[in-house]
Amino acid sequence: MEFLLGVVSGLISTLIFWIIKNKISPPKVHFGEDISRITYSSGENGYIIIYKNTGHRKLIDISLKVIVRIPGIVVWDKSLTQTFHLNTTSDKKFLLDKNIPTTTRITLENSDNLLISGLISKEIKNKIEEKNFALDELLKLSPKSYVSIFILGNDEVTGVRKVFESKKYSINDIRDGKFNRDTMSIKSQC
């Protein structure tokens, strides 16, 4: 009887510990509601995203992925969706600490897989090759276009790899201005 009681209490305490470690206190990533557009003195636009870890533990070995999906621009089949992977100024980070907002710039430079020959129209292909393209223009190619941001990171305690996905940002979610780090919202430029 004592053996059975020991096994049951061991299972219950293990379950409670597992729930606390994996369900109550794991890292969570909160993304800003908008993408910030900054116009530089050269006239080019820069795009910045903001995010922070709102969980109780740190994320380590972070990877950041920005994906644009545009339906209806594949020349031979308008029902297909074209996917572009964009670069950021910091695709990899070692640590995402708790409650510290982090900003990252999205770039179209050196986005090698942005150009997929044969699938998109010559007009779009030429603009991309000339580096004469902005994120706004990609999203304007189809009313159903959107940007998704993925953060992959390991929980510092359990080592488990977690994937966090932002909302689907549309052209309407790109706003002029800089982020207020306290509220993670965009301050309008004056």
Protein backbone atom coordinates (compact mmCIF):
# COMPACT_ATOMS: atom_id res chain seq x y z
CA MET A 1 0.00 0.00 0.00
CA GLU A 2 2.83 2.41 0.88
CA PHE A 3 4.48 1.64 -2.46
CA LEU A 4 1.27 2.49 -4.36
CA LEU A 5 0.87 5.71 -2.36
CA GLY A 6 4.49 6.66 -3.19
CA VAL A 7 3.98 6.02 -6.92
CA VAL A 8 0.74 8.05 -7.03
CA SER A 9 2.22 10.99 -5.11
CA GLY A 10 5.31 10.87 -7.36
CA LEU A 11 3.15 10.98 -10.49
CA ILE A 12 1.06 13.85 -9.12
CA SER A 13 4.12 15.91 -8.16
CA THR A 14 5.72 15.23 -11.57
CA LEU A 15 2.52 16.37 -13.31
CA ILE A 16 2.36 19.54 -11.21
CA PHE A 17 6.03 20.30 -11.95
CA TRP A 18 5.48 19.66 -15.70
CA ILE A 19 2.47 22.01 -15.77
CA ILE A 20 4.40 24.78 -14.01
CA LYS A 21 7.45 24.41 -16.29
CA ASN A 22 5.64 24.06 -19.60
CA LYS A 23 2.27 25.75 -19.29
CA ILE A 24 2.47 28.47 -16.65
CA SER A 25 5.89 30.09 -17.03
CA PRO A 26 7.27 29.46 -20.55
CA PRO A 27 8.54 32.31 -22.73
CA LYS A 28 5.90 34.12 -24.79
CA VAL A 29 6.57 36.63 -27.56
CA HIS A 30 4.33 39.66 -28.07
CA PHE A 31 4.59 41.46 -31.43
CA GLY A 32 3.74 45.11 -32.11
CA GLU A 33 0.41 45.81 -33.81
CA ASP A 34 2.03 47.61 -36.77
CA ILE A 35 5.16 47.74 -38.91
CA SER A 36 6.96 51.08 -38.72
CA ARG A 37 7.92 52.83 -41.97
CA ILE A 38 10.78 55.32 -41.71
CA THR A 39 11.73 57.50 -44.67
CA TYR A 40 15.47 58.15 -44.75
CA SER A 41 17.14 61.29 -46.13
CA SER A 42 17.96 59.31 -49.32
CA GLY A 43 14.22 58.96 -49.93
CA GLU A 44 14.22 55.20 -49.32
CA ASN A 45 11.84 53.60 -46.88
CA GLY A 46 12.97 51.42 -43.99
CA TYR A 47 10.65 48.99 -42.22
CA ILE A 48 10.98 48.14 -38.55
CA ILE A 49 9.23 45.55 -36.40
CA ILE A 50 9.05 45.41 -32.61
CA TYR A 51 8.60 42.44 -30.30
CA LYS A 52 9.30 41.39 -26.73
CA ASN A 53 9.33 38.31 -24.54
CA THR A 54 6.42 38.64 -22.12
CA GLY A 55 6.97 35.22 -20.52
CA HIS A 56 8.70 34.42 -17.25
CA ARG A 57 11.83 32.88 -18.80
CA LYS A 58 14.37 34.00 -21.39
CA LEU A 59 14.58 32.74 -24.97
CA ILE A 60 18.03 31.79 -26.24
CA ASP A 61 19.47 31.03 -29.70
CA ILE A 62 16.89 33.18 -31.51
CA SER A 63 16.18 33.06 -35.26
CA LEU A 64 13.94 35.62 -36.94
CA LYS A 65 12.11 34.93 -40.22
CA VAL A 66 10.04 37.42 -42.23
CA ILE A 67 7.80 35.93 -44.90
CA VAL A 68 5.65 37.78 -47.44
CA ARG A 69 2.85 35.85 -49.11
CA ILE A 70 1.23 37.25 -52.25
CA PRO A 71 -1.61 35.34 -53.88
CA GLY A 72 -2.37 35.68 -57.58
CA ILE A 73 0.97 36.82 -59.04
CA VAL A 74 2.22 33.48 -60.36
CA VAL A 75 1.98 33.93 -64.14
CA TRP A 76 0.89 30.42 -65.10
CA ASP A 77 -1.59 29.86 -62.23
CA LYS A 78 -3.25 32.84 -60.51
CA SER A 79 -4.67 30.55 -57.80
CA LEU A 80 -1.15 30.00 -56.38
CA THR A 81 0.48 32.09 -53.66
CA GLN A 82 4.04 33.34 -54.12
CA THR A 83 6.17 33.34 -50.97
CA PHE A 84 9.16 35.64 -50.41
CA HIS A 85 11.59 35.33 -47.51
CA LEU A 86 12.98 38.73 -46.49
CA ASN A 87 16.12 39.44 -44.52
CA THR A 88 16.41 41.43 -41.33
CA THR A 89 19.32 43.34 -39.84
CA SER A 90 19.57 40.69 -37.12
CA ASP A 91 18.37 37.30 -38.34
CA LYS A 92 20.05 35.64 -35.38
CA LYS A 93 20.31 36.76 -31.75
CA PHE A 94 21.65 34.92 -28.77
CA LEU A 95 19.15 36.11 -26.17
CA LEU A 96 15.65 37.57 -25.92
CA ASP A 97 15.40 38.74 -22.34
CA LYS A 98 12.16 39.23 -20.44
CA ASN A 99 10.10 42.41 -21.00
CA ILE A 100 12.68 44.28 -23.10
CA PRO A 101 11.21 45.50 -26.41
CA THR A 102 13.48 44.73 -29.36
CA THR A 103 13.35 46.37 -32.79
CA THR A 104 14.63 44.85 -36.02
CA ARG A 105 14.80 46.33 -39.53
CA ILE A 106 13.36 44.36 -42.45
CA THR A 107 15.51 44.61 -45.58
CA LEU A 108 15.00 43.62 -49.19
CA GLU A 109 18.76 43.78 -49.81
CA ASN A 110 20.46 40.42 -50.24
CA SER A 111 17.12 38.64 -50.14
CA ASP A 112 18.30 36.05 -52.66
CA ASN A 113 15.11 34.04 -52.70
CA LEU A 114 13.08 37.16 -53.49
CA LEU A 115 13.73 36.50 -57.16
CA ILE A 116 12.32 33.21 -58.35
CA SER A 117 12.73 33.10 -62.10
CA GLY A 118 9.81 32.13 -64.26
CA LEU A 119 7.10 32.36 -61.63
CA ILE A 120 6.43 36.10 -61.49
CA SER A 121 5.82 38.68 -64.18
CA LYS A 122 8.75 40.41 -65.92
CA GLU A 123 7.68 43.79 -64.51
CA ILE A 124 7.94 42.57 -60.91
CA LYS A 125 11.11 40.62 -61.69
CA ASN A 126 12.79 43.72 -63.18
CA LYS A 127 11.88 45.90 -60.19
CA ILE A 128 13.31 43.33 -57.79
CA GLU A 129 16.52 42.95 -59.82
CA GLU A 130 16.98 46.74 -59.85
CA LYS A 131 16.47 46.82 -56.06
CA ASN A 132 13.74 49.36 -56.82
CA PHE A 133 11.12 47.74 -54.61
CA ALA A 134 9.67 48.51 -51.21
CA LEU A 135 7.70 46.31 -48.85
CA ASP A 136 4.63 48.48 -49.51
CA GLU A 137 4.87 47.69 -53.22
CA LEU A 138 5.09 43.95 -52.58
CA LEU A 139 1.94 44.10 -50.45
CA LYS A 140 0.10 46.22 -53.03
CA LEU A 141 0.47 43.48 -55.65
CA SER A 142 -2.59 41.70 -54.25
CA PRO A 143 -5.28 42.78 -51.77
CA LYS A 144 -4.78 39.49 -49.91
CA SER A 145 -1.00 39.93 -49.46
CA TYR A 146 0.45 39.78 -45.96
CA VAL A 147 3.67 39.65 -43.96
CA SER A 148 4.23 37.10 -41.17
CA ILE A 149 7.07 37.23 -38.68
CA PHE A 150 8.33 34.08 -37.01
CA ILE A 151 10.63 33.95 -34.01
CA LEU A 152 12.23 30.62 -33.21
CA GLY A 153 14.02 30.24 -29.90
CA ASN A 154 14.93 27.82 -27.16
CA ASP A 155 13.46 28.05 -23.67
CA GLU A 156 16.42 28.78 -21.37
CA VAL A 157 15.26 26.25 -18.76
CA THR A 158 13.87 23.31 -20.73
CA GLY A 159 15.84 23.81 -23.96
CA VAL A 160 12.67 23.18 -25.95
CA ARG A 161 12.59 24.95 -29.34
CA LYS A 162 9.51 27.14 -29.64
CA VAL A 163 8.03 28.97 -32.63
CA PHE A 164 6.13 32.24 -32.21
CA GLU A 165 4.15 33.75 -35.09
CA SER A 166 2.95 37.33 -35.42
CA LYS A 167 -0.40 38.33 -36.77
CA LYS A 168 -0.67 38.65 -40.55
CA TYR A 169 0.35 42.24 -41.31
CA SER A 170 -1.35 43.79 -44.36
CA ILE A 171 -0.59 47.03 -46.21
CA ASN A 172 -2.90 48.78 -43.70
CA ASP A 173 -0.61 47.74 -40.84
CA ILE A 174 2.36 49.74 -42.17
CA ARG A 175 2.45 53.16 -40.50
CA ASP A 176 4.85 56.09 -40.62
CA GLY A 177 6.73 56.84 -37.44
CA LYS A 178 9.03 55.36 -34.81
CA PHE A 179 8.11 52.91 -32.09
CA ASN A 180 7.52 54.00 -28.51
CA ARG A 181 9.33 51.24 -26.63
CA ASP A 182 7.08 51.58 -23.56
CA THR A 183 3.81 50.98 -25.40
CA MET A 184 5.20 49.16 -28.48
CA SER A 185 3.03 51.44 -30.63
CA ILE A 186 4.09 53.89 -33.31
CA LYS A 187 4.55 57.58 -32.53
CA SER A 188 3.44 59.66 -35.50
CA GLN A 189 6.16 61.66 -37.25
CA CYS A 190 5.67 65.42 -37.13
